[in-house]
Amino acid sequence: MERFERLAWPEMAVMLRAAKFLTRRDDQAEDLAQETMLKAMRAMDRFIDGSDIKAWLMTILRRTHIDRLRAAQRRGVEQALPSEVEDDRPPAGRYDDYFRGEPEQLMNRLDDETVIEAMRQLPDEIRWTLLLVDVERMDHAEAATVLGVPVGTIKSRAHRGRAMLRDRLYAQAPERFKRNKP
């Protein structure tokens, strides 16, 4: 128990943030994060010292989330499952001035809910990659371990995902930004 409290428990906020992103509901996110931490506590003897605890916990969270989605499908509960993203970028020139500059500057111009909603529209594997690499700041090798894919796949998904996210944000720019370019 002491080992769990020392290594895993400090990551609870990260698990809750990721769970909120995945579930879109606070109550479901809390349940998912708690279930993840409970599974981690039970499996703590299998955690290898020196390994990345956050990557290990994210793997548990991901698998738990997938299990919950599958269980809901078996029960016939409708879930919002990822779909392919269509190119719905607005015509060139409408917001070009608004979207010039460094990516971090652009992200700061948009509210969190706009960014989160755009990420939710991305395919599941792209969304998970961006969550791990860009939100949780895992390196590509750690994200590859969590998702069970080669590092090259993570690099490719991150590159494609960032472009897809940019295009989504471009298409979803709030009206106030369309009217009030910075």
N, C-alpha and C. Protein backbone atom coordinates (compact mmCIF):
# COMPACT_ATOMS: atom_id res chain seq x y z
N MET A 1 0.83 -1.19 0.00
CA MET A 1 0.00 0.00 0.00
C MET A 1 0.87 1.26 0.00
N GLU A 2 1.95 1.23 0.78
CA GLU A 2 2.84 2.39 0.86
C GLU A 2 3.45 2.69 -0.51
N ARG A 3 3.80 1.63 -1.24
CA ARG A 3 4.40 1.80 -2.57
C ARG A 3 3.39 2.45 -3.53
N PHE A 4 2.15 2.02 -3.47
CA PHE A 4 1.10 2.61 -4.30
C PHE A 4 0.93 4.09 -3.96
N GLU A 5 0.85 4.40 -2.68
CA GLU A 5 0.66 5.80 -2.27
C GLU A 5 1.83 6.67 -2.68
N ARG A 6 3.02 6.13 -2.66
CA ARG A 6 4.22 6.89 -3.00
C ARG A 6 4.36 7.09 -4.51
N LEU A 7 4.10 6.03 -5.28
CA LEU A 7 4.34 6.09 -6.72
C LEU A 7 3.11 6.47 -7.55
N ALA A 8 2.00 5.84 -7.28
CA ALA A 8 0.83 5.98 -8.15
C ALA A 8 -0.11 7.10 -7.73
N TRP A 9 -0.36 7.22 -6.45
CA TRP A 9 -1.37 8.18 -6.00
C TRP A 9 -1.09 9.62 -6.45
N PRO A 10 0.17 10.07 -6.50
CA PRO A 10 0.41 11.44 -6.98
C PRO A 10 -0.05 11.68 -8.43
N GLU A 11 -0.31 10.62 -9.17
CA GLU A 11 -0.77 10.75 -10.56
C GLU A 11 -2.29 10.77 -10.69
N MET A 12 -3.00 10.78 -9.57
CA MET A 12 -4.46 10.74 -9.60
C MET A 12 -5.04 11.90 -10.40
N ALA A 13 -4.49 13.08 -10.25
CA ALA A 13 -5.01 14.25 -10.99
C ALA A 13 -4.85 14.06 -12.50
N VAL A 14 -3.77 13.45 -12.92
CA VAL A 14 -3.55 13.17 -14.34
C VAL A 14 -4.59 12.17 -14.84
N MET A 15 -4.85 11.14 -14.04
CA MET A 15 -5.84 10.13 -14.43
C MET A 15 -7.23 10.75 -14.52
N LEU A 16 -7.56 11.61 -13.58
CA LEU A 16 -8.87 12.25 -13.58
C LEU A 16 -9.02 13.18 -14.79
N ARG A 17 -7.98 13.92 -15.10
CA ARG A 17 -8.02 14.83 -16.27
C ARG A 17 -8.21 14.03 -17.56
N ALA A 18 -7.46 12.96 -17.70
CA ALA A 18 -7.61 12.12 -18.90
C ALA A 18 -9.00 11.49 -18.95
N ALA A 19 -9.49 11.03 -17.82
CA ALA A 19 -10.82 10.42 -17.76
C ALA A 19 -11.91 11.43 -18.12
N LYS A 20 -11.77 12.67 -17.67
CA LYS A 20 -12.76 13.70 -18.01
C LYS A 20 -12.76 13.98 -19.50
N PHE A 21 -11.60 13.97 -20.07
CA PHE A 21 -11.49 14.18 -21.51
C PHE A 21 -12.19 13.05 -22.26
N LEU A 22 -12.02 11.83 -21.79
CA LEU A 22 -12.58 10.67 -22.48
C LEU A 22 -14.09 10.53 -22.30
N THR A 23 -14.58 10.78 -21.11
CA THR A 23 -15.98 10.50 -20.81
C THR A 23 -16.91 11.68 -21.02
N ARG A 24 -16.40 12.90 -20.92
CA ARG A 24 -17.18 14.13 -21.09
C ARG A 24 -18.11 14.41 -19.91
N ARG A 25 -18.10 13.57 -18.90
CA ARG A 25 -18.98 13.76 -17.75
C ARG A 25 -18.18 13.58 -16.48
N ASP A 26 -18.34 14.49 -15.55
CA ASP A 26 -17.56 14.45 -14.31
C ASP A 26 -17.80 13.17 -13.52
N ASP A 27 -19.06 12.75 -13.39
CA ASP A 27 -19.34 11.56 -12.59
C ASP A 27 -18.72 10.31 -13.21
N GLN A 28 -18.81 10.17 -14.53
CA GLN A 28 -18.21 9.02 -15.20
C GLN A 28 -16.68 9.08 -15.13
N ALA A 29 -16.14 10.29 -15.23
CA ALA A 29 -14.70 10.46 -15.16
C ALA A 29 -14.17 10.05 -13.79
N GLU A 30 -14.87 10.46 -12.76
CA GLU A 30 -14.45 10.09 -11.40
C GLU A 30 -14.49 8.58 -11.22
N ASP A 31 -15.54 7.94 -11.73
CA ASP A 31 -15.64 6.48 -11.64
C ASP A 31 -14.50 5.80 -12.40
N LEU A 32 -14.22 6.29 -13.61
CA LEU A 32 -13.16 5.70 -14.43
C LEU A 32 -11.79 5.88 -13.77
N ALA A 33 -11.52 7.06 -13.26
CA ALA A 33 -10.24 7.31 -12.59
C ALA A 33 -10.11 6.46 -11.33
N GLN A 34 -11.18 6.35 -10.56
CA GLN A 34 -11.13 5.53 -9.35
C GLN A 34 -10.93 4.06 -9.68
N GLU A 35 -11.63 3.58 -10.69
CA GLU A 35 -11.47 2.18 -11.09
C GLU A 35 -10.04 1.92 -11.57
N THR A 36 -9.49 2.87 -12.30
CA THR A 36 -8.10 2.76 -12.76
C THR A 36 -7.15 2.66 -11.59
N MET A 37 -7.32 3.54 -10.61
CA MET A 37 -6.42 3.53 -9.46
C MET A 37 -6.60 2.27 -8.61
N LEU A 38 -7.82 1.78 -8.51
CA LEU A 38 -8.07 0.55 -7.77
C LEU A 38 -7.38 -0.63 -8.45
N LYS A 39 -7.49 -0.70 -9.77
CA LYS A 39 -6.80 -1.77 -10.52
C LYS A 39 -5.29 -1.64 -10.36
N ALA A 40 -4.80 -0.42 -10.38
CA ALA A 40 -3.36 -0.20 -10.20
C ALA A 40 -2.91 -0.64 -8.81
N MET A 41 -3.70 -0.33 -7.81
CA MET A 41 -3.35 -0.72 -6.44
C MET A 41 -3.28 -2.25 -6.34
N ARG A 42 -4.24 -2.92 -6.93
CA ARG A 42 -4.26 -4.39 -6.90
C ARG A 42 -3.10 -5.00 -7.67
N ALA A 43 -2.63 -4.30 -8.70
CA ALA A 43 -1.56 -4.84 -9.55
C ALA A 43 -0.20 -4.23 -9.25
N MET A 44 -0.07 -3.50 -8.17
CA MET A 44 1.16 -2.78 -7.86
C MET A 44 2.37 -3.71 -7.79
N ASP A 45 2.16 -4.95 -7.40
CA ASP A 45 3.27 -5.88 -7.32
C ASP A 45 3.83 -6.22 -8.71
N ARG A 46 3.09 -5.93 -9.77
CA ARG A 46 3.55 -6.17 -11.13
C ARG A 46 4.23 -4.96 -11.75
N PHE A 47 4.18 -3.81 -11.06
CA PHE A 47 4.86 -2.62 -11.57
C PHE A 47 6.35 -2.77 -11.34
N ILE A 48 7.13 -2.53 -12.38
CA ILE A 48 8.58 -2.68 -12.31
C ILE A 48 9.21 -1.36 -11.91
N ASP A 49 9.95 -1.38 -10.80
CA ASP A 49 10.62 -0.16 -10.34
C ASP A 49 11.50 0.39 -11.45
N GLY A 50 11.50 1.71 -11.59
CA GLY A 50 12.27 2.37 -12.62
C GLY A 50 11.48 2.60 -13.90
N SER A 51 10.33 1.94 -14.02
CA SER A 51 9.45 2.16 -15.17
C SER A 51 8.69 3.47 -14.97
N ASP A 52 8.05 3.91 -16.01
CA ASP A 52 7.27 5.15 -15.95
C ASP A 52 5.89 4.86 -15.38
N ILE A 53 5.63 5.33 -14.18
CA ILE A 53 4.36 5.07 -13.51
C ILE A 53 3.19 5.69 -14.27
N LYS A 54 3.40 6.89 -14.84
CA LYS A 54 2.31 7.54 -15.56
C LYS A 54 1.92 6.73 -16.80
N ALA A 55 2.90 6.21 -17.52
CA ALA A 55 2.61 5.39 -18.70
C ALA A 55 1.89 4.11 -18.28
N TRP A 56 2.30 3.52 -17.18
CA TRP A 56 1.67 2.30 -16.68
C TRP A 56 0.21 2.58 -16.32
N LEU A 57 -0.01 3.68 -15.61
CA LEU A 57 -1.38 4.04 -15.22
C LEU A 57 -2.25 4.39 -16.43
N MET A 58 -1.68 5.09 -17.40
CA MET A 58 -2.43 5.44 -18.61
C MET A 58 -2.84 4.19 -19.38
N THR A 59 -1.98 3.18 -19.37
CA THR A 59 -2.32 1.92 -20.01
C THR A 59 -3.53 1.29 -19.32
N ILE A 60 -3.52 1.29 -18.00
CA ILE A 60 -4.64 0.76 -17.24
C ILE A 60 -5.90 1.58 -17.52
N LEU A 61 -5.78 2.90 -17.52
CA LEU A 61 -6.93 3.77 -17.80
C LEU A 61 -7.50 3.49 -19.19
N ARG A 62 -6.63 3.39 -20.17
CA ARG A 62 -7.07 3.14 -21.54
C ARG A 62 -7.81 1.82 -21.64
N ARG A 63 -7.24 0.78 -21.07
CA ARG A 63 -7.89 -0.54 -21.14
C ARG A 63 -9.21 -0.56 -20.37
N THR A 64 -9.25 0.12 -19.25
CA THR A 64 -10.48 0.19 -18.47
C THR A 64 -11.56 0.93 -19.25
N HIS A 65 -11.18 2.03 -19.88
CA HIS A 65 -12.13 2.80 -20.69
C HIS A 65 -12.68 1.95 -21.84
N ILE A 66 -11.81 1.25 -22.53
CA ILE A 66 -12.23 0.39 -23.64
C ILE A 66 -13.16 -0.70 -23.13
N ASP A 67 -12.83 -1.30 -22.00
CA ASP A 67 -13.69 -2.33 -21.41
C ASP A 67 -15.08 -1.77 -21.10
N ARG A 68 -15.13 -0.56 -20.58
CA ARG A 68 -16.41 0.06 -20.26
C ARG A 68 -17.23 0.34 -21.52
N LEU A 69 -16.57 0.79 -22.59
CA LEU A 69 -17.27 1.04 -23.84
C LEU A 69 -17.84 -0.26 -24.41
N ARG A 70 -17.05 -1.32 -24.36
CA ARG A 70 -17.52 -2.61 -24.86
C ARG A 70 -18.69 -3.13 -24.03
N ALA A 71 -18.59 -2.99 -22.71
CA ALA A 71 -19.68 -3.44 -21.84
C ALA A 71 -20.96 -2.65 -22.13
N ALA A 72 -20.83 -1.36 -22.35
CA ALA A 72 -21.99 -0.53 -22.66
C ALA A 72 -22.61 -0.95 -23.99
N GLN A 73 -21.77 -1.28 -24.96
CA GLN A 73 -22.29 -1.74 -26.26
C GLN A 73 -23.05 -3.05 -26.10
N ARG A 74 -22.53 -3.95 -25.29
CA ARG A 74 -23.22 -5.23 -25.06
C ARG A 74 -24.57 -5.01 -24.39
N ARG A 75 -24.65 -4.02 -23.51
CA ARG A 75 -25.91 -3.71 -22.83
C ARG A 75 -26.84 -2.91 -23.72
N GLY A 76 -26.35 -2.45 -24.86
CA GLY A 76 -27.19 -1.68 -25.76
C GLY A 76 -27.25 -0.21 -25.43
N VAL A 77 -26.33 0.26 -24.60
CA VAL A 77 -26.29 1.68 -24.25
C VAL A 77 -25.56 2.40 -25.38
N GLU A 78 -26.19 3.44 -25.88
CA GLU A 78 -25.58 4.19 -26.97
C GLU A 78 -24.40 5.00 -26.45
N GLN A 79 -23.27 4.84 -27.09
CA GLN A 79 -22.06 5.57 -26.72
C GLN A 79 -21.61 6.38 -27.93
N ALA A 80 -20.99 7.48 -27.64
CA ALA A 80 -20.41 8.28 -28.72
C ALA A 80 -19.08 7.65 -29.09
N LEU A 81 -19.06 6.95 -30.21
CA LEU A 81 -17.84 6.31 -30.66
C LEU A 81 -17.19 7.19 -31.71
N PRO A 82 -15.86 7.12 -31.81
CA PRO A 82 -15.16 7.97 -32.75
C PRO A 82 -15.53 7.67 -34.19
N SER A 83 -15.49 8.69 -35.01
CA SER A 83 -15.77 8.51 -36.42
C SER A 83 -14.66 9.18 -37.21
N GLU A 84 -14.61 8.86 -38.45
CA GLU A 84 -13.60 9.48 -39.30
C GLU A 84 -13.92 10.96 -39.44
N VAL A 85 -12.89 11.75 -39.54
CA VAL A 85 -13.04 13.19 -39.63
C VAL A 85 -13.13 13.60 -41.09
N GLU A 86 -14.14 14.36 -41.40
CA GLU A 86 -14.28 14.88 -42.75
C GLU A 86 -13.57 16.21 -42.82
N ASP A 87 -13.17 16.58 -44.00
CA ASP A 87 -12.50 17.86 -44.18
C ASP A 87 -13.56 18.94 -44.32
N ASP A 88 -13.84 19.62 -43.21
CA ASP A 88 -14.86 20.67 -43.24
C ASP A 88 -14.23 22.04 -42.99
N ARG A 89 -12.98 22.18 -43.43
CA ARG A 89 -12.27 23.44 -43.27
C ARG A 89 -12.98 24.52 -44.09
N PRO A 90 -13.14 25.70 -43.50
CA PRO A 90 -13.82 26.76 -44.25
C PRO A 90 -12.99 27.23 -45.44
N PRO A 91 -13.61 27.93 -46.35
CA PRO A 91 -12.87 28.42 -47.52
C PRO A 91 -11.65 29.24 -47.12
N ALA A 92 -10.61 29.13 -47.90
CA ALA A 92 -9.36 29.84 -47.61
C ALA A 92 -9.62 31.34 -47.51
N GLY A 93 -8.90 31.96 -46.61
CA GLY A 93 -8.96 33.40 -46.48
C GLY A 93 -9.92 33.90 -45.43
N ARG A 94 -10.84 33.08 -44.94
CA ARG A 94 -11.82 33.57 -43.97
C ARG A 94 -11.18 33.90 -42.64
N TYR A 95 -10.32 33.02 -42.14
CA TYR A 95 -9.73 33.24 -40.82
C TYR A 95 -8.20 33.17 -40.87
N ASP A 96 -7.64 33.31 -42.06
CA ASP A 96 -6.20 33.12 -42.20
C ASP A 96 -5.39 34.00 -41.25
N ASP A 97 -5.79 35.26 -41.11
CA ASP A 97 -5.04 36.15 -40.22
C ASP A 97 -5.11 35.66 -38.78
N TYR A 98 -6.26 35.16 -38.40
CA TYR A 98 -6.44 34.67 -37.04
C TYR A 98 -5.54 33.48 -36.74
N PHE A 99 -5.32 32.62 -37.72
CA PHE A 99 -4.58 31.39 -37.51
C PHE A 99 -3.11 31.49 -37.89
N ARG A 100 -2.60 32.67 -38.04
CA ARG A 100 -1.16 32.82 -38.27
C ARG A 100 -0.45 32.83 -36.92
N GLY A 101 0.78 32.40 -36.93
CA GLY A 101 1.57 32.44 -35.71
C GLY A 101 1.91 31.06 -35.20
N GLU A 102 2.53 31.02 -34.06
CA GLU A 102 2.96 29.78 -33.44
C GLU A 102 1.76 29.01 -32.89
N PRO A 103 1.83 27.67 -32.91
CA PRO A 103 0.70 26.87 -32.41
C PRO A 103 0.28 27.22 -30.99
N GLU A 104 1.24 27.47 -30.09
CA GLU A 104 0.88 27.79 -28.71
C GLU A 104 0.10 29.11 -28.62
N GLN A 105 0.47 30.08 -29.44
CA GLN A 105 -0.26 31.34 -29.46
C GLN A 105 -1.69 31.12 -29.95
N LEU A 106 -1.84 30.28 -30.96
CA LEU A 106 -3.16 30.00 -31.49
C LEU A 106 -4.03 29.31 -30.44
N MET A 107 -3.44 28.34 -29.74
CA MET A 107 -4.18 27.61 -28.72
C MET A 107 -4.64 28.55 -27.61
N ASN A 108 -3.83 29.51 -27.27
CA ASN A 108 -4.18 30.46 -26.21
C ASN A 108 -5.33 31.37 -26.62
N ARG A 109 -5.59 31.50 -27.91
CA ARG A 109 -6.69 32.33 -28.38
C ARG A 109 -8.04 31.62 -28.29
N LEU A 110 -8.02 30.31 -28.12
CA LEU A 110 -9.25 29.53 -28.09
C LEU A 110 -9.53 29.08 -26.66
N ASP A 111 -10.80 28.99 -26.31
CA ASP A 111 -11.14 28.52 -24.97
C ASP A 111 -10.97 27.01 -24.92
N ASP A 112 -10.79 26.47 -23.71
CA ASP A 112 -10.54 25.05 -23.52
C ASP A 112 -11.63 24.17 -24.11
N GLU A 113 -12.87 24.57 -23.94
CA GLU A 113 -13.98 23.75 -24.43
C GLU A 113 -13.94 23.61 -25.95
N THR A 114 -13.53 24.65 -26.65
CA THR A 114 -13.42 24.58 -28.11
C THR A 114 -12.36 23.56 -28.51
N VAL A 115 -11.22 23.59 -27.83
CA VAL A 115 -10.14 22.65 -28.12
C VAL A 115 -10.56 21.22 -27.78
N ILE A 116 -11.17 21.05 -26.62
CA ILE A 116 -11.61 19.72 -26.20
C ILE A 116 -12.64 19.16 -27.18
N GLU A 117 -13.59 19.97 -27.58
CA GLU A 117 -14.60 19.50 -28.53
C GLU A 117 -13.97 19.12 -29.86
N ALA A 118 -13.00 19.88 -30.32
CA ALA A 118 -12.32 19.54 -31.57
C ALA A 118 -11.56 18.22 -31.44
N MET A 119 -10.93 18.00 -30.28
CA MET A 119 -10.21 16.74 -30.07
C MET A 119 -11.17 15.56 -30.00
N ARG A 120 -12.33 15.76 -29.44
CA ARG A 120 -13.32 14.67 -29.34
C ARG A 120 -13.78 14.21 -30.71
N GLN A 121 -13.66 15.04 -31.70
CA GLN A 121 -14.11 14.69 -33.05
C GLN A 121 -13.06 13.91 -33.83
N LEU A 122 -11.88 13.78 -33.27
CA LEU A 122 -10.82 13.05 -33.96
C LEU A 122 -11.00 11.55 -33.76
N PRO A 123 -10.48 10.75 -34.68
CA PRO A 123 -10.53 9.29 -34.49
C PRO A 123 -9.84 8.90 -33.17
N ASP A 124 -10.30 7.83 -32.59
CA ASP A 124 -9.86 7.39 -31.27
C ASP A 124 -8.34 7.26 -31.17
N GLU A 125 -7.70 6.61 -32.12
CA GLU A 125 -6.25 6.41 -32.02
C GLU A 125 -5.48 7.72 -32.12
N ILE A 126 -5.99 8.67 -32.88
CA ILE A 126 -5.36 9.99 -32.98
C ILE A 126 -5.58 10.76 -31.68
N ARG A 127 -6.79 10.71 -31.16
CA ARG A 127 -7.12 11.41 -29.92
C ARG A 127 -6.25 10.91 -28.76
N TRP A 128 -6.11 9.59 -28.65
CA TRP A 128 -5.27 9.03 -27.58
C TRP A 128 -3.82 9.47 -27.74
N THR A 129 -3.33 9.47 -28.98
CA THR A 129 -1.94 9.88 -29.21
C THR A 129 -1.72 11.32 -28.79
N LEU A 130 -2.62 12.22 -29.20
CA LEU A 130 -2.47 13.63 -28.83
C LEU A 130 -2.63 13.82 -27.32
N LEU A 131 -3.53 13.08 -26.71
CA LEU A 131 -3.71 13.16 -25.27
C LEU A 131 -2.41 12.81 -24.55
N LEU A 132 -1.78 11.73 -24.95
CA LEU A 132 -0.55 11.29 -24.27
C LEU A 132 0.64 12.18 -24.60
N VAL A 133 0.82 12.49 -25.88
CA VAL A 133 2.01 13.22 -26.31
C VAL A 133 1.91 14.72 -26.04
N ASP A 134 0.80 15.33 -26.39
CA ASP A 134 0.70 16.78 -26.29
C ASP A 134 0.08 17.28 -24.99
N VAL A 135 -0.87 16.55 -24.45
CA VAL A 135 -1.50 16.99 -23.21
C VAL A 135 -0.70 16.51 -22.00
N GLU A 136 -0.39 15.22 -21.97
CA GLU A 136 0.33 14.65 -20.82
C GLU A 136 1.84 14.72 -20.97
N ARG A 137 2.32 15.18 -22.11
CA ARG A 137 3.74 15.40 -22.36
C ARG A 137 4.60 14.14 -22.25
N MET A 138 4.03 13.01 -22.63
CA MET A 138 4.82 11.78 -22.68
C MET A 138 5.69 11.82 -23.92
N ASP A 139 6.87 11.21 -23.84
CA ASP A 139 7.67 11.14 -25.06
C ASP A 139 7.08 10.04 -25.95
N HIS A 140 7.53 10.01 -27.20
CA HIS A 140 6.94 9.09 -28.17
C HIS A 140 7.08 7.64 -27.74
N ALA A 141 8.21 7.28 -27.15
CA ALA A 141 8.42 5.89 -26.73
C ALA A 141 7.44 5.49 -25.63
N GLU A 142 7.20 6.38 -24.67
CA GLU A 142 6.24 6.08 -23.60
C GLU A 142 4.83 5.92 -24.16
N ALA A 143 4.45 6.83 -25.05
CA ALA A 143 3.11 6.75 -25.66
C ALA A 143 2.97 5.47 -26.48
N ALA A 144 4.04 5.08 -27.16
CA ALA A 144 4.01 3.84 -27.95
C ALA A 144 3.79 2.63 -27.04
N THR A 145 4.41 2.65 -25.88
CA THR A 145 4.24 1.56 -24.92
C THR A 145 2.80 1.51 -24.42
N VAL A 146 2.25 2.66 -24.07
CA VAL A 146 0.88 2.72 -23.56
C VAL A 146 -0.10 2.21 -24.61
N LEU A 147 0.07 2.63 -25.85
CA LEU A 147 -0.87 2.28 -26.90
C LEU A 147 -0.55 0.96 -27.61
N GLY A 148 0.62 0.41 -27.31
CA GLY A 148 0.99 -0.88 -27.90
C GLY A 148 1.26 -0.83 -29.39
N VAL A 149 1.89 0.27 -29.82
CA VAL A 149 2.21 0.43 -31.24
C VAL A 149 3.68 0.88 -31.35
N PRO A 150 4.26 0.78 -32.55
CA PRO A 150 5.65 1.25 -32.73
C PRO A 150 5.77 2.77 -32.57
N VAL A 151 6.96 3.21 -32.22
CA VAL A 151 7.24 4.64 -32.04
C VAL A 151 6.93 5.41 -33.32
N GLY A 152 7.26 4.84 -34.46
CA GLY A 152 6.99 5.50 -35.74
C GLY A 152 5.51 5.77 -35.95
N THR A 153 4.69 4.87 -35.47
CA THR A 153 3.24 5.05 -35.57
C THR A 153 2.80 6.24 -34.73
N ILE A 154 3.38 6.37 -33.54
CA ILE A 154 3.07 7.51 -32.67
C ILE A 154 3.47 8.81 -33.35
N LYS A 155 4.65 8.84 -33.92
CA LYS A 155 5.11 10.05 -34.60
C LYS A 155 4.19 10.42 -35.75
N SER A 156 3.79 9.42 -36.52
CA SER A 156 2.90 9.67 -37.65
C SER A 156 1.53 10.15 -37.17
N ARG A 157 0.98 9.47 -36.16
CA ARG A 157 -0.33 9.87 -35.63
C ARG A 157 -0.28 11.27 -35.03
N ALA A 158 0.81 11.60 -34.33
CA ALA A 158 0.92 12.93 -33.73
C ALA A 158 0.95 14.00 -34.82
N HIS A 159 1.71 13.75 -35.86
CA HIS A 159 1.80 14.71 -36.96
C HIS A 159 0.44 14.87 -37.64
N ARG A 160 -0.18 13.75 -38.00
CA ARG A 160 -1.50 13.81 -38.65
C ARG A 160 -2.54 14.41 -37.71
N GLY A 161 -2.49 14.01 -36.45
CA GLY A 161 -3.46 14.48 -35.48
C GLY A 161 -3.39 15.98 -35.26
N ARG A 162 -2.19 16.51 -35.20
CA ARG A 162 -2.04 17.96 -35.02
C ARG A 162 -2.63 18.71 -36.21
N ALA A 163 -2.39 18.17 -37.41
CA ALA A 163 -2.96 18.81 -38.61
C ALA A 163 -4.49 18.72 -38.59
N MET A 164 -5.01 17.56 -38.20
CA MET A 164 -6.46 17.39 -38.12
C MET A 164 -7.05 18.33 -37.07
N LEU A 165 -6.38 18.43 -35.92
CA LEU A 165 -6.85 19.31 -34.86
C LEU A 165 -6.83 20.76 -35.32
N ARG A 166 -5.76 21.15 -35.97
CA ARG A 166 -5.67 22.52 -36.49
C ARG A 166 -6.83 22.81 -37.45
N ASP A 167 -7.10 21.85 -38.34
CA ASP A 167 -8.19 22.04 -39.29
C ASP A 167 -9.55 22.10 -38.59
N ARG A 168 -9.73 21.28 -37.56
CA ARG A 168 -10.98 21.30 -36.79
C ARG A 168 -11.14 22.65 -36.09
N LEU A 169 -10.07 23.11 -35.48
CA LEU A 169 -10.13 24.40 -34.78
C LEU A 169 -10.38 25.53 -35.77
N TYR A 170 -9.78 25.40 -36.92
CA TYR A 170 -9.98 26.39 -37.97
C TYR A 170 -11.46 26.45 -38.34
N ALA A 171 -12.07 25.27 -38.45
CA ALA A 171 -13.49 25.20 -38.84
C ALA A 171 -14.41 25.63 -37.70
N GLN A 172 -13.97 25.46 -36.45
CA GLN A 172 -14.83 25.73 -35.30
C GLN A 172 -14.50 27.04 -34.59
N ALA A 173 -13.74 27.90 -35.22
CA ALA A 173 -13.38 29.16 -34.57
C ALA A 173 -14.64 29.85 -34.10
N PRO A 174 -14.71 30.21 -32.83
CA PRO A 174 -15.91 30.86 -32.31
C PRO A 174 -16.22 32.17 -33.06
N GLU A 175 -17.49 32.48 -33.14
CA GLU A 175 -17.94 33.68 -33.84
C GLU A 175 -17.22 34.94 -33.36
N ARG A 176 -16.98 35.02 -32.08
CA ARG A 176 -16.33 36.24 -31.57
C ARG A 176 -14.95 36.43 -32.15
N PHE A 177 -14.27 35.31 -32.47
CA PHE A 177 -12.94 35.43 -33.06
C PHE A 177 -13.04 35.75 -34.55
N LYS A 178 -14.11 35.32 -35.17
CA LYS A 178 -14.30 35.64 -36.58
C LYS A 178 -14.50 37.14 -36.75
N ARG A 179 -15.22 37.73 -35.79
CA ARG A 179 -15.51 39.16 -35.84
C ARG A 179 -14.34 39.99 -35.34
N ASN A 180 -13.65 39.51 -34.32
CA ASN A 180 -12.59 40.28 -33.67
C ASN A 180 -11.24 39.63 -33.85
N LYS A 181 -10.71 39.72 -35.01
CA LYS A 181 -9.39 39.14 -35.25
C LYS A 181 -8.38 39.86 -34.37
N PRO A 182 -7.40 39.10 -33.83
CA PRO A 182 -6.41 39.73 -32.93
C PRO A 182 -5.49 40.68 -33.68
